[in-house]
Amino acid sequence: MRLKTYIVEDNPTIRENLIGTLEELACINAVGTAETENEGKAWLTENRDGWDLAIVDLFLKQGSGLGVLGACRDRPPRQKVVVLSNYATADIRRRCAQLGVDAVFDKSNEIDALVDYCIQQSGSAG
């Protein structure tokens, strides 16, 4: 099963490379993207049944990924939210856990772990 995945990332190059990599290697189908907190929150709340996985960067063109994470707190257990950030420090990981995030990955050295996570989720979702 392909995971319907929504990506909140303001860097177009990173966003396109991430979509290409995950669609090829990890059984995801990108259903939409956002560059700002407001866009991400609006789409995820208006399309409550339209996604299985949200991948959220913390630093955005407008607002913060933390606001997007807060908007996803009351999601069904089948929907997963992960953070992909250059700032995956211990403090950030703790804050994300408080907001109900399922996993945190560092952009610089944990892309393979994100791919593995997506593969695992697509297998358990089917």
C-alpha atoms as a PDB file:
ATOM      1  CA  MET A   1       0.000   0.000   0.000  1.00  0.00           C
ATOM      2  CA  ARG A   2       1.272   3.487  -0.853  1.00  0.00           C
ATOM      3  CA  LEU A   3       1.141   5.976   2.016  1.00  0.00           C
ATOM      4  CA  LYS A   4      -0.700   9.194   1.175  1.00  0.00           C
ATOM      5  CA  THR A   5       1.954  11.644   2.323  1.00  0.00           C
ATOM      6  CA  TYR A   6       1.757  15.395   2.882  1.00  0.00           C
ATOM      7  CA  ILE A   7       5.047  17.309   3.047  1.00  0.00           C
ATOM      8  CA  VAL A   8       5.592  20.627   4.805  1.00  0.00           C
ATOM      9  CA  GLU A   9       8.980  21.892   3.589  1.00  0.00           C
ATOM     10  CA  ASP A  10       9.816  25.389   2.339  1.00  0.00           C
ATOM     11  CA  ASN A  11      12.967  24.551   0.358  1.00  0.00           C
ATOM     12  CA  PRO A  12      11.839  23.564  -3.169  1.00  0.00           C
ATOM     13  CA  THR A  13      14.992  21.560  -3.920  1.00  0.00           C
ATOM     14  CA  ILE A  14      14.783  19.544  -0.705  1.00  0.00           C
ATOM     15  CA  ARG A  15      11.035  19.065  -1.169  1.00  0.00           C
ATOM     16  CA  GLU A  16      11.331  17.750  -4.744  1.00  0.00           C
ATOM     17  CA  ASN A  17      14.299  15.499  -3.917  1.00  0.00           C
ATOM     18  CA  LEU A  18      12.473  14.133  -0.871  1.00  0.00           C
ATOM     19  CA  ILE A  19       9.323  13.383  -2.870  1.00  0.00           C
ATOM     20  CA  GLY A  20      11.323  11.697  -5.629  1.00  0.00           C
ATOM     21  CA  THR A  21      13.332   9.588  -3.203  1.00  0.00           C
ATOM     22  CA  LEU A  22      10.379   8.514  -1.075  1.00  0.00           C
ATOM     23  CA  GLU A  23       8.091   7.774  -4.038  1.00  0.00           C
ATOM     24  CA  GLU A  24      10.814   5.617  -5.579  1.00  0.00           C
ATOM     25  CA  LEU A  25      12.107   3.844  -2.471  1.00  0.00           C
ATOM     26  CA  ALA A  26       9.425   3.938   0.203  1.00  0.00           C
ATOM     27  CA  CYS A  27       5.935   3.358  -1.223  1.00  0.00           C
ATOM     28  CA  ILE A  28       4.628   6.870  -0.655  1.00  0.00           C
ATOM     29  CA  ASN A  29       2.359   8.972  -2.822  1.00  0.00           C
ATOM     30  CA  ALA A  30       2.770  12.715  -2.274  1.00  0.00           C
ATOM     31  CA  VAL A  31      -0.751  14.139  -1.996  1.00  0.00           C
ATOM     32  CA  GLY A  32       0.332  17.730  -1.410  1.00  0.00           C
ATOM     33  CA  THR A  33       2.922  20.130  -0.063  1.00  0.00           C
ATOM     34  CA  ALA A  34       3.101  23.367   1.887  1.00  0.00           C
ATOM     35  CA  GLU A  35       5.798  25.977   2.445  1.00  0.00           C
ATOM     36  CA  THR A  36       4.232  27.758   5.431  1.00  0.00           C
ATOM     37  CA  GLU A  37       2.674  26.926   8.780  1.00  0.00           C
ATOM     38  CA  ASN A  38      -0.731  28.279   7.730  1.00  0.00           C
ATOM     39  CA  GLU A  39      -0.815  26.271   4.470  1.00  0.00           C
ATOM     40  CA  GLY A  40       0.189  23.084   6.285  1.00  0.00           C
ATOM     41  CA  LYS A  41      -2.313  23.486   9.110  1.00  0.00           C
ATOM     42  CA  ALA A  42      -5.141  24.354   6.734  1.00  0.00           C
ATOM     43  CA  TRP A  43      -4.601  21.408   4.387  1.00  0.00           C
ATOM     44  CA  LEU A  44      -4.071  18.811   7.108  1.00  0.00           C
ATOM     45  CA  THR A  45      -7.181  19.870   9.030  1.00  0.00           C
ATOM     46  CA  GLU A  46      -9.395  20.312   5.932  1.00  0.00           C
ATOM     47  CA  ASN A  47      -8.350  16.924   4.520  1.00  0.00           C
ATOM     48  CA  ARG A  48      -8.497  14.882   7.723  1.00  0.00           C
ATOM     49  CA  ASP A  49      -9.024  11.599   5.845  1.00  0.00           C
ATOM     50  CA  GLY A  50      -6.762  12.499   2.920  1.00  0.00           C
ATOM     51  CA  TRP A  51      -3.408  11.533   4.372  1.00  0.00           C
ATOM     52  CA  ASP A  52      -1.579   8.695   6.152  1.00  0.00           C
ATOM     53  CA  LEU A  53       1.750  10.417   6.843  1.00  0.00           C
ATOM     54  CA  ALA A  54       2.818  14.037   7.307  1.00  0.00           C
ATOM     55  CA  ILE A  55       6.496  14.973   7.055  1.00  0.00           C
ATOM     56  CA  VAL A  56       7.128  18.384   8.622  1.00  0.00           C
ATOM     57  CA  ASP A  57      10.177  20.661   8.660  1.00  0.00           C
ATOM     58  CA  LEU A  58      10.398  22.955  11.679  1.00  0.00           C
ATOM     59  CA  PHE A  59      11.706  26.131  10.020  1.00  0.00           C
ATOM     60  CA  LEU A  60       9.332  27.405   7.331  1.00  0.00           C
ATOM     61  CA  LYS A  61       8.868  30.510   5.143  1.00  0.00           C
ATOM     62  CA  GLN A  62       6.119  31.635   7.507  1.00  0.00           C
ATOM     63  CA  GLY A  63       5.486  30.338  10.989  1.00  0.00           C
ATOM     64  CA  SER A  64       6.910  27.126  12.363  1.00  0.00           C
ATOM     65  CA  GLY A  65       6.525  23.420  11.895  1.00  0.00           C
ATOM     66  CA  LEU A  66       5.681  23.279  15.601  1.00  0.00           C
ATOM     67  CA  GLY A  67       2.353  24.972  14.790  1.00  0.00           C
ATOM     68  CA  VAL A  68       1.677  22.352  12.116  1.00  0.00           C
ATOM     69  CA  LEU A  69       2.452  19.599  14.628  1.00  0.00           C
ATOM     70  CA  GLY A  70       0.040  21.120  17.122  1.00  0.00           C
ATOM     71  CA  ALA A  71      -2.709  21.102  14.489  1.00  0.00           C
ATOM     72  CA  CYS A  72      -2.193  17.345  14.010  1.00  0.00           C
ATOM     73  CA  ARG A  73      -2.450  16.344  17.666  1.00  0.00           C
ATOM     74  CA  ASP A  74      -6.008  15.017  17.486  1.00  0.00           C
ATOM     75  CA  ARG A  75      -5.451  12.720  14.513  1.00  0.00           C
ATOM     76  CA  PRO A  76      -6.479   9.027  14.397  1.00  0.00           C
ATOM     77  CA  PRO A  77      -3.760   6.557  15.454  1.00  0.00           C
ATOM     78  CA  ARG A  78      -3.305   5.317  11.870  1.00  0.00           C
ATOM     79  CA  GLN A  79      -2.039   8.745  10.791  1.00  0.00           C
ATOM     80  CA  LYS A  80       1.636   9.337  11.491  1.00  0.00           C
ATOM     81  CA  VAL A  81       3.471  12.640  11.787  1.00  0.00           C
ATOM     82  CA  VAL A  82       7.246  12.865  11.556  1.00  0.00           C
ATOM     83  CA  VAL A  83       9.673  15.764  11.694  1.00  0.00           C
ATOM     84  CA  LEU A  84      12.519  16.103   9.206  1.00  0.00           C
ATOM     85  CA  SER A  85      14.821  18.918  10.312  1.00  0.00           C
ATOM     86  CA  ASN A  86      18.401  20.121  10.326  1.00  0.00           C
ATOM     87  CA  TYR A  87      17.874  20.885  14.018  1.00  0.00           C
ATOM     88  CA  ALA A  88      17.028  17.478  15.468  1.00  0.00           C
ATOM     89  CA  THR A  89      18.635  18.260  18.829  1.00  0.00           C
ATOM     90  CA  ALA A  90      17.686  16.524  22.062  1.00  0.00           C
ATOM     91  CA  ASP A  91      15.555  19.552  23.055  1.00  0.00           C
ATOM     92  CA  ILE A  92      13.746  19.588  19.698  1.00  0.00           C
ATOM     93  CA  ARG A  93      13.135  15.827  19.901  1.00  0.00           C
ATOM     94  CA  ARG A  94      11.650  16.269  23.402  1.00  0.00           C
ATOM     95  CA  ARG A  95       9.401  19.135  22.273  1.00  0.00           C
ATOM     96  CA  CYS A  96       8.222  17.124  19.263  1.00  0.00           C
ATOM     97  CA  ALA A  97       7.431  14.149  21.500  1.00  0.00           C
ATOM     98  CA  GLN A  98       5.323  16.457  23.692  1.00  0.00           C
ATOM     99  CA  LEU A  99       3.380  17.439  20.564  1.00  0.00           C
ATOM    100  CA  GLY A 100       2.657  13.800  19.734  1.00  0.00           C
ATOM    101  CA  VAL A 101       5.133  13.338  16.889  1.00  0.00           C
ATOM    102  CA  ASP A 102       5.781   9.705  15.937  1.00  0.00           C
ATOM    103  CA  ALA A 103       9.444  10.183  14.928  1.00  0.00           C
ATOM    104  CA  VAL A 104      12.118  12.829  14.347  1.00  0.00           C
ATOM    105  CA  PHE A 105      14.764  12.544  11.624  1.00  0.00           C
ATOM    106  CA  ASP A 106      17.808  14.719  10.967  1.00  0.00           C
ATOM    107  CA  LYS A 107      18.043  15.894   7.336  1.00  0.00           C
ATOM    108  CA  SER A 108      21.826  15.635   7.330  1.00  0.00           C
ATOM    109  CA  ASN A 109      22.233  11.999   8.359  1.00  0.00           C
ATOM    110  CA  GLU A 110      18.914  10.210   8.910  1.00  0.00           C
ATOM    111  CA  ILE A 111      17.278  10.135   5.443  1.00  0.00           C
ATOM    112  CA  ASP A 112      17.859   6.366   5.248  1.00  0.00           C
ATOM    113  CA  ALA A 113      16.090   5.977   8.589  1.00  0.00           C
ATOM    114  CA  LEU A 114      13.160   8.036   7.239  1.00  0.00           C
ATOM    115  CA  VAL A 115      12.968   5.779   4.159  1.00  0.00           C
ATOM    116  CA  ASP A 116      12.999   2.709   6.438  1.00  0.00           C
ATOM    117  CA  TYR A 117      10.271   4.246   8.615  1.00  0.00           C
ATOM    118  CA  CYS A 118       8.066   4.904   5.558  1.00  0.00           C
ATOM    119  CA  ILE A 119       8.570   1.348   4.297  1.00  0.00           C
ATOM    120  CA  GLN A 120       7.628  -0.020   7.721  1.00  0.00           C
ATOM    121  CA  GLN A 121       4.504   2.180   7.860  1.00  0.00           C
ATOM    122  CA  SER A 122       3.375   1.235   4.363  1.00  0.00           C
ATOM    123  CA  GLY A 123       3.702  -2.444   5.287  1.00  0.00           C
ATOM    124  CA  SER A 124       1.687  -2.076   8.484  1.00  0.00           C
ATOM    125  CA  ALA A 125      -0.978   0.130   6.872  1.00  0.00           C
ATOM    126  CA  GLY A 126      -2.002  -2.469   4.302  1.00  0.00           C
END
